[in-house]
């Protein structure tokens, strides 16, 4: 049995600070679409998973620069509870389509209409991978044919964890 551990904070910080990594993710987000459905990633409600508060704030700022105000907002454990609840409600309602978070929305958060997870925070933990993916794979009663998309970035010499999901 292999013990699964996640990255140390120092190793995680080195990975997420790699030049061009966030820009490549944002470019993919802006350009990629599902050829079968015609759905563009940029048009889906999304949750972005980052490696810390600073990383989440940097990514949200870049998205806001491109998409405009109130399209992307960073949240973390430092976000005051009342503000966080208001922001999460606004995301569920579609008023803030892209939430960028720092290990906050991994479990216990539901937004069934959210279709996209952008995993900018690498992980070696199958539990974290499953929990973050689970945020997107919720059944949406208003859209029972919803497709959940999980985009993850695999960094050098990393174990890739795949699991297929079905309806």
C-alpha atoms as a PDB file:
ATOM      1  CA  UNK A   1       0.000   0.000   0.000  1.00  0.00           C
ATOM      2  CA  UNK A   2       1.375   3.381  -0.997  1.00  0.00           C
ATOM      3  CA  UNK A   3       0.894   6.281   1.360  1.00  0.00           C
ATOM      4  CA  UNK A   4      -0.502   9.279  -0.521  1.00  0.00           C
ATOM      5  CA  UNK A   5       0.846  12.626   0.499  1.00  0.00           C
ATOM      6  CA  UNK A   6       0.366  16.012  -1.007  1.00  0.00           C
ATOM      7  CA  UNK A   7       3.065  18.510  -1.895  1.00  0.00           C
ATOM      8  CA  UNK A   8       4.991  20.352   0.770  1.00  0.00           C
ATOM      9  CA  UNK A   9       4.174  24.083   0.806  1.00  0.00           C
ATOM     10  CA  UNK A  10       7.666  24.877  -0.542  1.00  0.00           C
ATOM     11  CA  UNK A  11       7.374  22.414  -3.457  1.00  0.00           C
ATOM     12  CA  UNK A  12       3.838  23.579  -4.251  1.00  0.00           C
ATOM     13  CA  UNK A  13       4.956  27.210  -4.287  1.00  0.00           C
ATOM     14  CA  UNK A  14       7.829  26.390  -6.666  1.00  0.00           C
ATOM     15  CA  UNK A  15       5.449  24.654  -9.092  1.00  0.00           C
ATOM     16  CA  UNK A  16       2.763  27.341  -9.133  1.00  0.00           C
ATOM     17  CA  UNK A  17       5.273  30.160  -9.561  1.00  0.00           C
ATOM     18  CA  UNK A  18       6.697  28.625 -12.737  1.00  0.00           C
ATOM     19  CA  UNK A  19       6.764  31.288 -15.434  1.00  0.00           C
ATOM     20  CA  UNK A  20       3.907  31.076 -17.897  1.00  0.00           C
ATOM     21  CA  UNK A  21       1.940  28.369 -16.077  1.00  0.00           C
ATOM     22  CA  UNK A  22      -1.043  30.575 -15.156  1.00  0.00           C
ATOM     23  CA  UNK A  23      -0.944  32.348 -18.526  1.00  0.00           C
ATOM     24  CA  UNK A  24      -1.104  28.992 -20.323  1.00  0.00           C
ATOM     25  CA  UNK A  25      -4.101  27.965 -18.201  1.00  0.00           C
ATOM     26  CA  UNK A  26      -5.916  31.226 -18.884  1.00  0.00           C
ATOM     27  CA  UNK A  27      -5.155  30.999 -22.612  1.00  0.00           C
ATOM     28  CA  UNK A  28      -6.578  27.458 -22.647  1.00  0.00           C
ATOM     29  CA  UNK A  29      -9.634  28.677 -20.746  1.00  0.00           C
ATOM     30  CA  UNK A  30     -10.213  31.471 -23.265  1.00  0.00           C
ATOM     31  CA  UNK A  31      -9.656  29.377 -26.402  1.00  0.00           C
ATOM     32  CA  UNK A  32     -10.827  25.818 -25.690  1.00  0.00           C
ATOM     33  CA  UNK A  33     -14.280  24.523 -26.460  1.00  0.00           C
ATOM     34  CA  UNK A  34     -15.963  21.119 -26.604  1.00  0.00           C
ATOM     35  CA  UNK A  35     -16.169  20.195 -30.285  1.00  0.00           C
ATOM     36  CA  UNK A  36     -19.162  17.920 -29.707  1.00  0.00           C
ATOM     37  CA  UNK A  37     -21.312  20.437 -27.856  1.00  0.00           C
ATOM     38  CA  UNK A  38     -19.784  23.712 -29.018  1.00  0.00           C
ATOM     39  CA  UNK A  39     -19.534  24.849 -25.386  1.00  0.00           C
ATOM     40  CA  UNK A  40     -16.622  27.199 -24.716  1.00  0.00           C
ATOM     41  CA  UNK A  41     -14.872  26.918 -21.353  1.00  0.00           C
ATOM     42  CA  UNK A  42     -14.961  30.693 -20.916  1.00  0.00           C
ATOM     43  CA  UNK A  43     -18.798  30.607 -21.052  1.00  0.00           C
ATOM     44  CA  UNK A  44     -19.145  28.062 -18.232  1.00  0.00           C
ATOM     45  CA  UNK A  45     -19.421  28.856 -14.546  1.00  0.00           C
ATOM     46  CA  UNK A  46     -16.115  27.740 -13.083  1.00  0.00           C
ATOM     47  CA  UNK A  47     -14.158  27.152  -9.929  1.00  0.00           C
ATOM     48  CA  UNK A  48     -10.404  27.584 -10.125  1.00  0.00           C
ATOM     49  CA  UNK A  49      -8.270  25.738  -7.559  1.00  0.00           C
ATOM     50  CA  UNK A  50      -5.019  27.483  -6.673  1.00  0.00           C
ATOM     51  CA  UNK A  51      -2.105  26.779  -4.359  1.00  0.00           C
ATOM     52  CA  UNK A  52      -2.601  29.474  -1.759  1.00  0.00           C
ATOM     53  CA  UNK A  53      -4.205  32.850  -1.285  1.00  0.00           C
ATOM     54  CA  UNK A  54      -1.544  34.802  -3.201  1.00  0.00           C
ATOM     55  CA  UNK A  55      -1.850  32.452  -6.159  1.00  0.00           C
ATOM     56  CA  UNK A  56      -5.657  32.734  -6.159  1.00  0.00           C
ATOM     57  CA  UNK A  57      -5.489  36.523  -6.017  1.00  0.00           C
ATOM     58  CA  UNK A  58      -2.981  36.657  -8.910  1.00  0.00           C
ATOM     59  CA  UNK A  59      -5.149  34.406 -11.099  1.00  0.00           C
ATOM     60  CA  UNK A  60      -8.367  36.292 -10.264  1.00  0.00           C
ATOM     61  CA  UNK A  61      -6.648  39.579 -11.074  1.00  0.00           C
ATOM     62  CA  UNK A  62      -5.492  38.261 -14.475  1.00  0.00           C
ATOM     63  CA  UNK A  63      -8.980  36.958 -15.259  1.00  0.00           C
ATOM     64  CA  UNK A  64     -10.548  40.270 -14.217  1.00  0.00           C
ATOM     65  CA  UNK A  65      -8.086  42.171 -16.425  1.00  0.00           C
ATOM     66  CA  UNK A  66      -9.244  40.084 -19.385  1.00  0.00           C
ATOM     67  CA  UNK A  67     -12.941  39.517 -18.661  1.00  0.00           C
ATOM     68  CA  UNK A  68     -13.851  42.644 -16.689  1.00  0.00           C
ATOM     69  CA  UNK A  69     -15.090  43.402 -13.193  1.00  0.00           C
ATOM     70  CA  UNK A  70     -17.230  40.842 -11.332  1.00  0.00           C
ATOM     71  CA  UNK A  71     -16.341  37.953 -13.641  1.00  0.00           C
ATOM     72  CA  UNK A  72     -13.726  36.422 -11.366  1.00  0.00           C
ATOM     73  CA  UNK A  73     -13.186  36.769  -7.656  1.00  0.00           C
ATOM     74  CA  UNK A  74     -10.670  35.176  -5.291  1.00  0.00           C
ATOM     75  CA  UNK A  75     -11.778  33.626  -2.003  1.00  0.00           C
ATOM     76  CA  UNK A  76      -9.753  31.988   0.735  1.00  0.00           C
ATOM     77  CA  UNK A  77      -9.849  31.132   4.401  1.00  0.00           C
ATOM     78  CA  UNK A  78      -9.028  34.813   5.005  1.00  0.00           C
ATOM     79  CA  UNK A  79     -12.266  35.996   3.360  1.00  0.00           C
ATOM     80  CA  UNK A  80     -14.611  37.170   6.145  1.00  0.00           C
ATOM     81  CA  UNK A  81     -17.400  34.644   6.667  1.00  0.00           C
ATOM     82  CA  UNK A  82     -20.257  37.039   5.812  1.00  0.00           C
ATOM     83  CA  UNK A  83     -18.467  38.177   2.638  1.00  0.00           C
ATOM     84  CA  UNK A  84     -17.728  34.586   1.697  1.00  0.00           C
ATOM     85  CA  UNK A  85     -21.376  33.527   2.020  1.00  0.00           C
ATOM     86  CA  UNK A  86     -22.471  36.506  -0.098  1.00  0.00           C
ATOM     87  CA  UNK A  87     -19.834  35.737  -2.757  1.00  0.00           C
ATOM     88  CA  UNK A  88     -20.752  32.031  -2.880  1.00  0.00           C
ATOM     89  CA  UNK A  89     -24.441  32.929  -3.222  1.00  0.00           C
ATOM     90  CA  UNK A  90     -23.581  35.350  -6.045  1.00  0.00           C
ATOM     91  CA  UNK A  91     -21.595  32.578  -7.760  1.00  0.00           C
ATOM     92  CA  UNK A  92     -24.480  30.118  -7.441  1.00  0.00           C
ATOM     93  CA  UNK A  93     -26.778  32.769  -8.966  1.00  0.00           C
ATOM     94  CA  UNK A  94     -24.339  33.355 -11.841  1.00  0.00           C
ATOM     95  CA  UNK A  95     -23.515  36.933 -10.845  1.00  0.00           C
ATOM     96  CA  UNK A  96     -19.832  36.020 -10.374  1.00  0.00           C
ATOM     97  CA  UNK A  97     -19.246  33.237 -12.904  1.00  0.00           C
ATOM     98  CA  UNK A  98     -15.649  32.372 -11.962  1.00  0.00           C
ATOM     99  CA  UNK A  99     -14.491  31.712  -8.399  1.00  0.00           C
ATOM    100  CA  UNK A 100     -10.776  31.420  -7.804  1.00  0.00           C
ATOM    101  CA  UNK A 101     -10.004  29.794  -4.493  1.00  0.00           C
ATOM    102  CA  UNK A 102      -7.165  28.716  -2.266  1.00  0.00           C
ATOM    103  CA  UNK A 103      -8.028  25.227  -0.959  1.00  0.00           C
ATOM    104  CA  UNK A 104     -11.352  26.483   0.333  1.00  0.00           C
ATOM    105  CA  UNK A 105     -14.008  24.950  -1.935  1.00  0.00           C
ATOM    106  CA  UNK A 106     -12.743  21.372  -1.794  1.00  0.00           C
ATOM    107  CA  UNK A 107     -15.539  19.853   0.250  1.00  0.00           C
ATOM    108  CA  UNK A 108     -18.877  20.961   1.627  1.00  0.00           C
ATOM    109  CA  UNK A 109     -19.595  23.464  -1.143  1.00  0.00           C
ATOM    110  CA  UNK A 110     -22.276  22.863  -3.750  1.00  0.00           C
ATOM    111  CA  UNK A 111     -23.087  24.827  -6.874  1.00  0.00           C
ATOM    112  CA  UNK A 112     -24.822  22.328  -9.185  1.00  0.00           C
ATOM    113  CA  UNK A 113     -24.847  24.740 -12.137  1.00  0.00           C
ATOM    114  CA  UNK A 114     -21.041  25.094 -12.080  1.00  0.00           C
ATOM    115  CA  UNK A 115     -19.620  23.072 -14.968  1.00  0.00           C
ATOM    116  CA  UNK A 116     -15.856  23.662 -14.969  1.00  0.00           C
ATOM    117  CA  UNK A 117     -13.012  23.073 -12.537  1.00  0.00           C
ATOM    118  CA  UNK A 118      -9.631  24.523 -13.447  1.00  0.00           C
ATOM    119  CA  UNK A 119      -7.042  22.717 -11.343  1.00  0.00           C
ATOM    120  CA  UNK A 120      -4.058  25.060 -11.159  1.00  0.00           C
ATOM    121  CA  UNK A 121      -3.099  23.547  -7.823  1.00  0.00           C
ATOM    122  CA  UNK A 122      -1.305  20.263  -8.478  1.00  0.00           C
ATOM    123  CA  UNK A 123      -1.987  17.422  -6.103  1.00  0.00           C
ATOM    124  CA  UNK A 124      -0.705  13.934  -5.431  1.00  0.00           C
ATOM    125  CA  UNK A 125      -3.735  13.178  -3.302  1.00  0.00           C
ATOM    126  CA  UNK A 126      -6.517  11.131  -4.894  1.00  0.00           C
ATOM    127  CA  UNK A 127      -8.808  12.387  -2.117  1.00  0.00           C
ATOM    128  CA  UNK A 128      -8.252  16.058  -3.001  1.00  0.00           C
ATOM    129  CA  UNK A 129      -8.587  15.241  -6.717  1.00  0.00           C
ATOM    130  CA  UNK A 130     -11.883  13.458  -6.100  1.00  0.00           C
ATOM    131  CA  UNK A 131     -13.247  16.141  -3.758  1.00  0.00           C
ATOM    132  CA  UNK A 132     -12.445  19.034  -6.103  1.00  0.00           C
ATOM    133  CA  UNK A 133     -13.864  17.168  -9.090  1.00  0.00           C
ATOM    134  CA  UNK A 134     -16.972  16.403  -7.076  1.00  0.00           C
ATOM    135  CA  UNK A 135     -17.815  20.105  -6.872  1.00  0.00           C
ATOM    136  CA  UNK A 136     -18.366  20.096 -10.657  1.00  0.00           C
ATOM    137  CA  UNK A 137     -19.984  16.711 -11.050  1.00  0.00           C
ATOM    138  CA  UNK A 138     -23.103  17.554  -9.035  1.00  0.00           C
ATOM    139  CA  UNK A 139     -26.359  16.963 -10.885  1.00  0.00           C
ATOM    140  CA  UNK A 140     -28.015  20.231 -11.838  1.00  0.00           C
ATOM    141  CA  UNK A 141     -31.820  19.915 -11.504  1.00  0.00           C
ATOM    142  CA  UNK A 142     -32.197  22.832 -13.946  1.00  0.00           C
ATOM    143  CA  UNK A 143     -29.892  21.173 -16.487  1.00  0.00           C
ATOM    144  CA  UNK A 144     -30.010  17.371 -16.143  1.00  0.00           C
ATOM    145  CA  UNK A 145     -27.805  16.971 -19.247  1.00  0.00           C
ATOM    146  CA  UNK A 146     -25.018  19.129 -17.825  1.00  0.00           C
ATOM    147  CA  UNK A 147     -21.501  18.006 -18.603  1.00  0.00           C
ATOM    148  CA  UNK A 148     -18.839  18.591 -15.964  1.00  0.00           C
ATOM    149  CA  UNK A 149     -15.369  19.520 -17.204  1.00  0.00           C
ATOM    150  CA  UNK A 150     -12.247  19.145 -15.081  1.00  0.00           C
ATOM    151  CA  UNK A 151      -9.068  20.626 -16.532  1.00  0.00           C
ATOM    152  CA  UNK A 152      -5.929  19.718 -14.648  1.00  0.00           C
ATOM    153  CA  UNK A 153      -2.329  20.516 -15.394  1.00  0.00           C
ATOM    154  CA  UNK A 154       0.221  17.761 -14.985  1.00  0.00           C
ATOM    155  CA  UNK A 155       3.645  18.996 -13.993  1.00  0.00           C
ATOM    156  CA  UNK A 156       6.875  17.134 -14.717  1.00  0.00           C
ATOM    157  CA  UNK A 157       7.472  13.731 -13.109  1.00  0.00           C
ATOM    158  CA  UNK A 158       4.080  13.648 -11.413  1.00  0.00           C
ATOM    159  CA  UNK A 159       1.828  10.664 -10.959  1.00  0.00           C
ATOM    160  CA  UNK A 160      -1.357  11.139 -12.932  1.00  0.00           C
ATOM    161  CA  UNK A 161      -4.568  10.057 -11.209  1.00  0.00           C
ATOM    162  CA  UNK A 162      -7.476   9.314 -13.525  1.00  0.00           C
ATOM    163  CA  UNK A 163     -10.909   8.144 -12.655  1.00  0.00           C
ATOM    164  CA  UNK A 164     -13.791   7.958 -15.043  1.00  0.00           C
ATOM    165  CA  UNK A 165     -17.209   9.130 -14.008  1.00  0.00           C
ATOM    166  CA  UNK A 166     -20.539   8.182 -15.491  1.00  0.00           C
ATOM    167  CA  UNK A 167     -24.110   9.319 -15.032  1.00  0.00           C
END
